[in-house]
N, C-alpha and C. Protein backbone atom coordinates (compact mmCIF):
# COMPACT_ATOMS: atom_id res chain seq x y z
N MET A 1 108.25 151.58 108.38
CA MET A 1 107.30 152.01 108.85
C MET A 1 106.34 150.92 109.10
N ASN A 2 105.58 150.65 110.31
CA ASN A 2 104.68 149.69 110.40
C ASN A 2 103.47 150.16 110.89
N CYS A 3 102.30 149.13 111.10
CA CYS A 3 100.92 149.65 111.23
C CYS A 3 100.48 150.34 112.61
N THR A 4 101.35 150.04 113.66
CA THR A 4 101.39 150.32 114.84
C THR A 4 101.92 151.82 115.16
N GLN A 5 102.71 152.36 114.00
CA GLN A 5 103.38 153.83 114.42
C GLN A 5 101.80 154.51 113.84
N ALA A 6 102.00 155.63 114.35
CA ALA A 6 100.73 156.72 113.84
C ALA A 6 100.99 157.36 112.58
N ASN A 7 100.25 157.13 111.75
CA ASN A 7 100.55 158.10 110.45
C ASN A 7 99.47 158.00 109.69
N THR A 8 99.76 158.65 108.37
CA THR A 8 98.61 158.73 107.52
C THR A 8 97.73 157.77 106.97
N LEU A 9 98.67 156.64 107.11
CA LEU A 9 98.21 155.23 106.50
C LEU A 9 97.52 154.58 107.19
N SER A 10 97.15 154.85 108.07
CA SER A 10 96.63 154.02 109.22
C SER A 10 95.29 153.24 108.48
N GLY A 11 94.36 153.81 107.72
CA GLY A 11 93.33 153.13 107.24
C GLY A 11 93.89 152.13 105.98
N VAL A 12 95.03 152.21 105.67
CA VAL A 12 95.58 151.35 104.74
C VAL A 12 96.00 150.05 105.70
N CYS A 13 96.76 150.58 106.96
CA CYS A 13 96.92 149.19 107.76
C CYS A 13 96.01 148.58 108.21
N LEU A 14 94.95 149.06 108.60
CA LEU A 14 93.63 148.26 109.03
C LEU A 14 93.23 147.40 107.82
N LEU A 15 93.04 148.10 106.58
CA LEU A 15 92.93 147.04 105.59
C LEU A 15 93.52 145.81 105.46
N ALA A 16 94.91 146.15 105.69
CA ALA A 16 95.62 145.26 105.14
C ALA A 16 95.69 143.88 106.32
N MET A 17 95.50 144.47 107.38
CA MET A 17 95.33 143.60 108.69
C MET A 17 94.03 142.78 108.58
N TRP A 18 92.82 143.36 107.91
CA TRP A 18 91.73 142.60 107.91
C TRP A 18 91.95 141.41 106.47
N LEU A 19 92.61 141.79 105.83
CA LEU A 19 92.86 140.93 104.75
C LEU A 19 93.62 140.02 105.05
N ILE A 20 94.52 140.06 105.84
CA ILE A 20 95.46 139.11 105.97
C ILE A 20 94.74 137.88 107.19
N SER A 21 93.84 138.56 108.10
CA SER A 21 92.89 137.54 109.08
C SER A 21 92.04 137.02 108.37
N ALA A 22 91.45 137.70 107.01
CA ALA A 22 90.42 136.90 106.45
C ALA A 22 90.93 135.90 105.43
N ALA A 23 91.99 135.85 105.04
CA ALA A 23 92.88 134.68 104.25
C ALA A 23 92.59 133.42 104.79
N PRO A 24 92.43 132.52 103.84
CA PRO A 24 91.94 131.15 104.47
C PRO A 24 93.36 130.63 104.56
N ALA A 25 93.13 129.53 105.55
CA ALA A 25 94.41 128.77 106.34
C ALA A 25 95.26 128.37 105.12
N THR A 26 96.26 128.39 105.20
CA THR A 26 97.57 127.58 104.38
C THR A 26 96.95 126.11 104.15
N ALA A 27 96.87 125.39 104.87
CA ALA A 27 96.24 123.92 104.87
C ALA A 27 95.05 123.62 104.66
N ALA A 28 94.53 123.82 103.52
CA ALA A 28 93.04 123.25 103.32
C ALA A 28 92.76 121.91 104.04
N GLU A 29 91.60 121.78 104.70
CA GLU A 29 91.39 120.53 105.31
C GLU A 29 89.72 120.27 104.78
N THR A 30 89.39 119.03 104.55
CA THR A 30 88.36 118.69 104.15
C THR A 30 87.89 117.23 104.99
N ALA A 31 86.77 117.34 105.22
CA ALA A 31 86.39 115.87 106.29
C ALA A 31 86.67 114.97 105.07
N VAL A 32 87.18 113.65 105.44
CA VAL A 32 87.00 112.53 104.90
C VAL A 32 85.77 111.73 104.95
N ASP A 33 85.06 111.54 103.69
CA ASP A 33 84.03 110.57 104.00
C ASP A 33 84.47 109.46 103.54
N LEU A 34 83.88 108.59 104.93
CA LEU A 34 84.21 107.45 104.99
C LEU A 34 83.05 106.40 104.54
N GLY A 35 81.95 106.87 104.52
CA GLY A 35 80.82 106.22 103.79
C GLY A 35 81.23 106.05 102.45
N THR A 36 81.62 107.15 101.46
CA THR A 36 81.96 107.06 100.13
C THR A 36 83.03 106.07 99.84
N GLN A 37 83.98 106.15 100.98
CA GLN A 37 85.41 105.31 100.93
C GLN A 37 84.99 103.85 100.67
N CYS A 38 84.12 103.48 102.00
CA CYS A 38 83.95 102.08 102.02
C CYS A 38 82.82 101.57 100.75
N ALA A 39 82.05 102.26 100.42
CA ALA A 39 81.34 101.96 99.18
C ALA A 39 82.20 101.79 97.81
N THR A 40 83.31 102.78 97.67
CA THR A 40 83.97 102.52 96.55
C THR A 40 84.83 101.26 96.93
N GLN A 41 85.58 101.20 97.92
CA GLN A 41 86.27 99.92 98.25
C GLN A 41 85.67 98.67 97.98
N TYR A 42 84.30 98.77 98.57
CA TYR A 42 83.36 97.20 98.62
C TYR A 42 82.35 97.77 98.11
N PRO A 43 82.49 97.67 96.70
CA PRO A 43 81.10 98.13 95.89
C PRO A 43 79.98 97.25 95.99
N ASP A 44 78.75 97.85 95.45
CA ASP A 44 77.49 96.82 95.59
C ASP A 44 77.64 95.66 94.37
N THR A 45 77.66 94.47 94.63
CA THR A 45 77.63 93.53 93.56
C THR A 45 76.32 92.64 93.72
N PRO A 46 76.33 91.64 92.87
CA PRO A 46 74.87 91.03 92.64
C PRO A 46 74.54 90.16 94.07
N THR A 47 75.81 90.20 95.05
CA THR A 47 75.44 89.28 96.46
C THR A 47 75.65 89.96 97.29
N MET A 48 76.36 90.89 97.33
CA MET A 48 76.64 91.96 98.41
C MET A 48 76.17 93.52 98.06
N PHE A 49 75.73 94.09 99.42
CA PHE A 49 75.42 95.83 99.21
C PHE A 49 76.92 96.37 99.33
N ALA A 50 76.64 97.53 99.03
CA ALA A 50 78.09 98.19 99.28
C ALA A 50 78.21 98.37 100.49
N ALA A 51 79.48 98.73 100.93
CA ALA A 51 80.14 98.62 102.49
C ALA A 51 79.54 99.86 103.14
N THR A 52 79.56 99.86 104.51
CA THR A 52 79.14 100.99 105.24
C THR A 52 80.26 100.99 106.25
N PRO A 53 80.75 102.32 106.83
CA PRO A 53 81.50 102.34 108.01
C PRO A 53 81.16 102.29 109.20
N THR A 54 81.54 101.69 109.74
CA THR A 54 81.60 101.33 111.27
C THR A 54 82.37 101.55 112.34
N LEU A 55 82.10 101.93 113.59
CA LEU A 55 83.20 102.16 114.17
C LEU A 55 83.42 101.05 115.21
N VAL A 56 84.70 100.56 115.52
CA VAL A 56 84.69 99.48 116.41
C VAL A 56 84.91 99.72 117.63
N ALA A 57 85.59 100.85 117.83
CA ALA A 57 85.83 101.22 119.27
C ALA A 57 85.65 102.67 119.57
N PRO A 58 84.52 103.12 120.00
CA PRO A 58 84.34 104.57 120.10
C PRO A 58 85.52 105.42 121.09
N GLY A 59 85.92 106.52 120.66
CA GLY A 59 86.81 107.24 121.43
C GLY A 59 88.05 106.99 120.47
N ASN A 60 88.15 106.13 119.59
CA ASN A 60 89.67 105.83 118.74
C ASN A 60 89.28 106.12 117.24
N ALA A 61 89.82 107.22 116.78
CA ALA A 61 89.88 107.62 115.54
C ALA A 61 90.28 106.55 114.35
N TYR A 62 91.05 105.41 114.91
CA TYR A 62 91.83 104.69 114.05
C TYR A 62 91.02 103.17 113.87
N SER A 63 89.81 103.51 114.72
CA SER A 63 88.94 102.00 114.70
C SER A 63 87.69 101.99 113.51
N TRP A 64 87.64 102.81 112.75
CA TRP A 64 87.05 102.49 111.70
C TRP A 64 87.27 101.34 110.51
N ARG A 65 86.19 100.74 110.45
CA ARG A 65 86.26 99.24 109.50
C ARG A 65 84.95 99.74 108.58
N CYS A 66 85.38 98.80 107.34
CA CYS A 66 83.99 98.80 106.46
C CYS A 66 83.00 97.59 106.76
N GLU A 67 81.81 97.69 106.51
CA GLU A 67 81.12 96.65 106.99
C GLU A 67 80.20 96.43 105.58
N GLN A 68 80.31 94.96 105.17
CA GLN A 68 79.35 94.53 103.94
C GLN A 68 78.49 93.58 103.92
N ARG A 69 77.16 94.06 103.70
CA ARG A 69 76.32 92.85 104.20
C ARG A 69 75.62 92.18 102.87
N LEU A 70 75.34 90.64 103.10
CA LEU A 70 74.97 89.91 102.12
C LEU A 70 73.98 90.06 101.61
N LYS A 71 73.00 90.25 100.32
CA LYS A 71 71.77 90.49 99.88
C LYS A 71 70.95 89.00 99.97
N LEU A 72 71.42 87.97 100.32
CA LEU A 72 70.74 86.77 100.25
C LEU A 72 69.83 86.73 101.46
N PRO A 73 68.76 86.06 101.26
CA PRO A 73 67.75 85.82 102.66
C PRO A 73 68.52 85.21 103.84
N GLY A 74 68.37 85.87 104.77
CA GLY A 74 69.31 85.41 105.93
C GLY A 74 70.78 85.57 105.83
N GLY A 75 71.07 86.45 104.91
CA GLY A 75 72.76 86.62 104.95
C GLY A 75 73.13 87.16 106.05
N GLY A 76 74.76 86.86 105.92
CA GLY A 76 75.27 87.76 107.08
C GLY A 76 76.16 88.78 106.99
N VAL A 77 77.14 89.27 107.72
CA VAL A 77 77.95 90.52 107.50
C VAL A 77 79.28 90.10 107.21
N ILE A 78 80.15 90.47 106.53
CA ILE A 78 81.48 90.63 106.53
C ILE A 78 81.98 91.93 106.94
N ALA A 79 82.52 91.82 107.90
CA ALA A 79 82.93 92.95 109.10
C ALA A 79 84.33 93.02 109.11
N ASN A 80 84.99 94.06 109.62
CA ASN A 80 86.60 94.29 109.90
C ASN A 80 87.19 94.40 108.56
N LEU A 81 86.46 94.87 107.69
CA LEU A 81 87.47 95.10 106.23
C LEU A 81 87.90 96.63 106.57
N PRO A 82 89.18 97.04 106.26
CA PRO A 82 89.92 97.94 106.53
C PRO A 82 89.46 98.69 105.60
N VAL A 83 89.29 100.35 106.25
CA VAL A 83 88.88 101.36 105.15
C VAL A 83 90.27 102.46 104.76
N ASP A 84 90.50 102.69 103.78
CA ASP A 84 91.74 103.76 103.54
C ASP A 84 91.71 105.08 103.26
N ALA A 85 91.12 105.49 104.29
CA ALA A 85 90.96 107.13 104.12
C ALA A 85 92.06 108.04 103.37
N GLY A 86 93.26 107.28 103.09
CA GLY A 86 94.38 108.20 102.36
C GLY A 86 93.97 108.12 101.04
N ARG A 87 93.50 107.03 100.59
CA ARG A 87 92.86 106.60 99.11
C ARG A 87 91.92 107.59 98.79
N TYR A 88 90.73 107.79 99.78
CA TYR A 88 89.59 108.79 99.51
C TYR A 88 90.49 110.19 99.04
N CYS A 89 91.21 110.74 100.00
CA CYS A 89 91.79 112.00 100.05
C CYS A 89 92.10 112.18 98.31
N ALA A 90 93.36 110.88 98.17
CA ALA A 90 94.06 111.11 96.79
C ALA A 90 93.19 111.16 95.84
N ASP A 91 92.06 110.17 95.67
CA ASP A 91 91.18 110.17 94.70
C ASP A 91 90.22 111.42 94.40
N HIS A 92 90.19 112.22 95.26
CA HIS A 92 89.57 113.24 95.08
C HIS A 92 90.43 114.47 95.24
N GLY A 93 91.66 114.12 94.89
CA GLY A 93 92.54 115.49 94.94
C GLY A 93 93.14 116.44 95.85
N LEU A 94 92.49 115.70 97.10
CA LEU A 94 92.51 116.25 98.40
C LEU A 94 93.67 116.46 99.48
N GLY A 95 94.84 115.82 98.72
CA GLY A 95 95.89 115.65 99.65
C GLY A 95 96.31 114.24 100.25
N HIS A 96 96.36 114.27 101.39
CA HIS A 96 96.69 113.13 102.22
C HIS A 96 95.95 113.17 103.47
N ALA A 97 95.43 111.92 103.83
CA ALA A 97 94.78 111.88 105.16
C ALA A 97 95.69 112.24 106.52
N VAL A 98 94.96 112.91 107.54
CA VAL A 98 95.24 113.12 108.99
C VAL A 98 94.03 112.95 109.85
N VAL A 99 94.71 112.39 111.00
CA VAL A 99 93.68 112.59 112.17
C VAL A 99 94.28 113.79 112.85
N LEU A 100 93.18 114.40 113.44
CA LEU A 100 93.49 115.88 114.04
C LEU A 100 93.34 115.71 115.39
N ASP A 101 92.72 114.68 115.93
CA ASP A 101 92.76 114.00 117.47
C ASP A 101 92.30 112.56 117.20
N SER A 102 93.40 111.81 118.05
CA SER A 102 93.27 110.39 117.91
C SER A 102 92.04 109.75 118.60
N ASP A 103 91.76 110.63 119.61
CA ASP A 103 90.27 110.23 120.51
C ASP A 103 89.26 110.57 119.72
N ASP A 104 89.09 111.32 118.59
CA ASP A 104 88.06 111.69 118.21
C ASP A 104 87.74 111.19 116.44
N PRO A 105 86.96 109.89 116.56
CA PRO A 105 86.48 109.11 115.26
C PRO A 105 86.18 110.32 113.99
N GLN A 106 85.80 111.22 114.14
CA GLN A 106 85.19 112.32 113.51
C GLN A 106 86.24 113.35 112.78
N SER A 107 87.56 112.94 113.31
CA SER A 107 88.55 114.03 113.16
C SER A 107 89.23 113.50 111.87
N TRP A 108 89.08 112.71 111.11
CA TRP A 108 89.65 112.35 109.83
C TRP A 108 89.58 113.53 108.88
N ARG A 109 90.61 113.96 108.12
CA ARG A 109 90.59 115.20 107.38
C ARG A 109 91.41 114.77 106.15
N CYS A 110 91.19 115.43 105.25
CA CYS A 110 92.55 115.53 104.08
C CYS A 110 92.77 116.73 103.88
N ARG A 111 94.23 116.85 104.07
CA ARG A 111 95.12 117.87 103.85
C ARG A 111 95.81 118.32 102.75
N ALA A 112 95.63 119.32 102.18
CA ALA A 112 96.41 119.63 100.91
C ALA A 112 97.79 119.86 101.09
């Protein structure tokens, strides 16, 4: 017997279908926090501020880099430091890093 058949269990079938549709997706996804990851990879030091993420090529999810600034007066910037999104996911127990859309820089996710 299935839920499409007319029967006295129709209320039970509707409840079961609602529970199934309300269940969370099997692959949990969490946004990768590139700001946290840059600061973790390139932390604050006596001469450098913690790194921040910078997007080199808008429209390209793979163009994120970390940028670290000198604390010294008139100091410069160390740019083009790689950011490890996979490490962020692993360090936070969130699985592995994936890009949902290579044209969308905001589409980095951790997938369990």
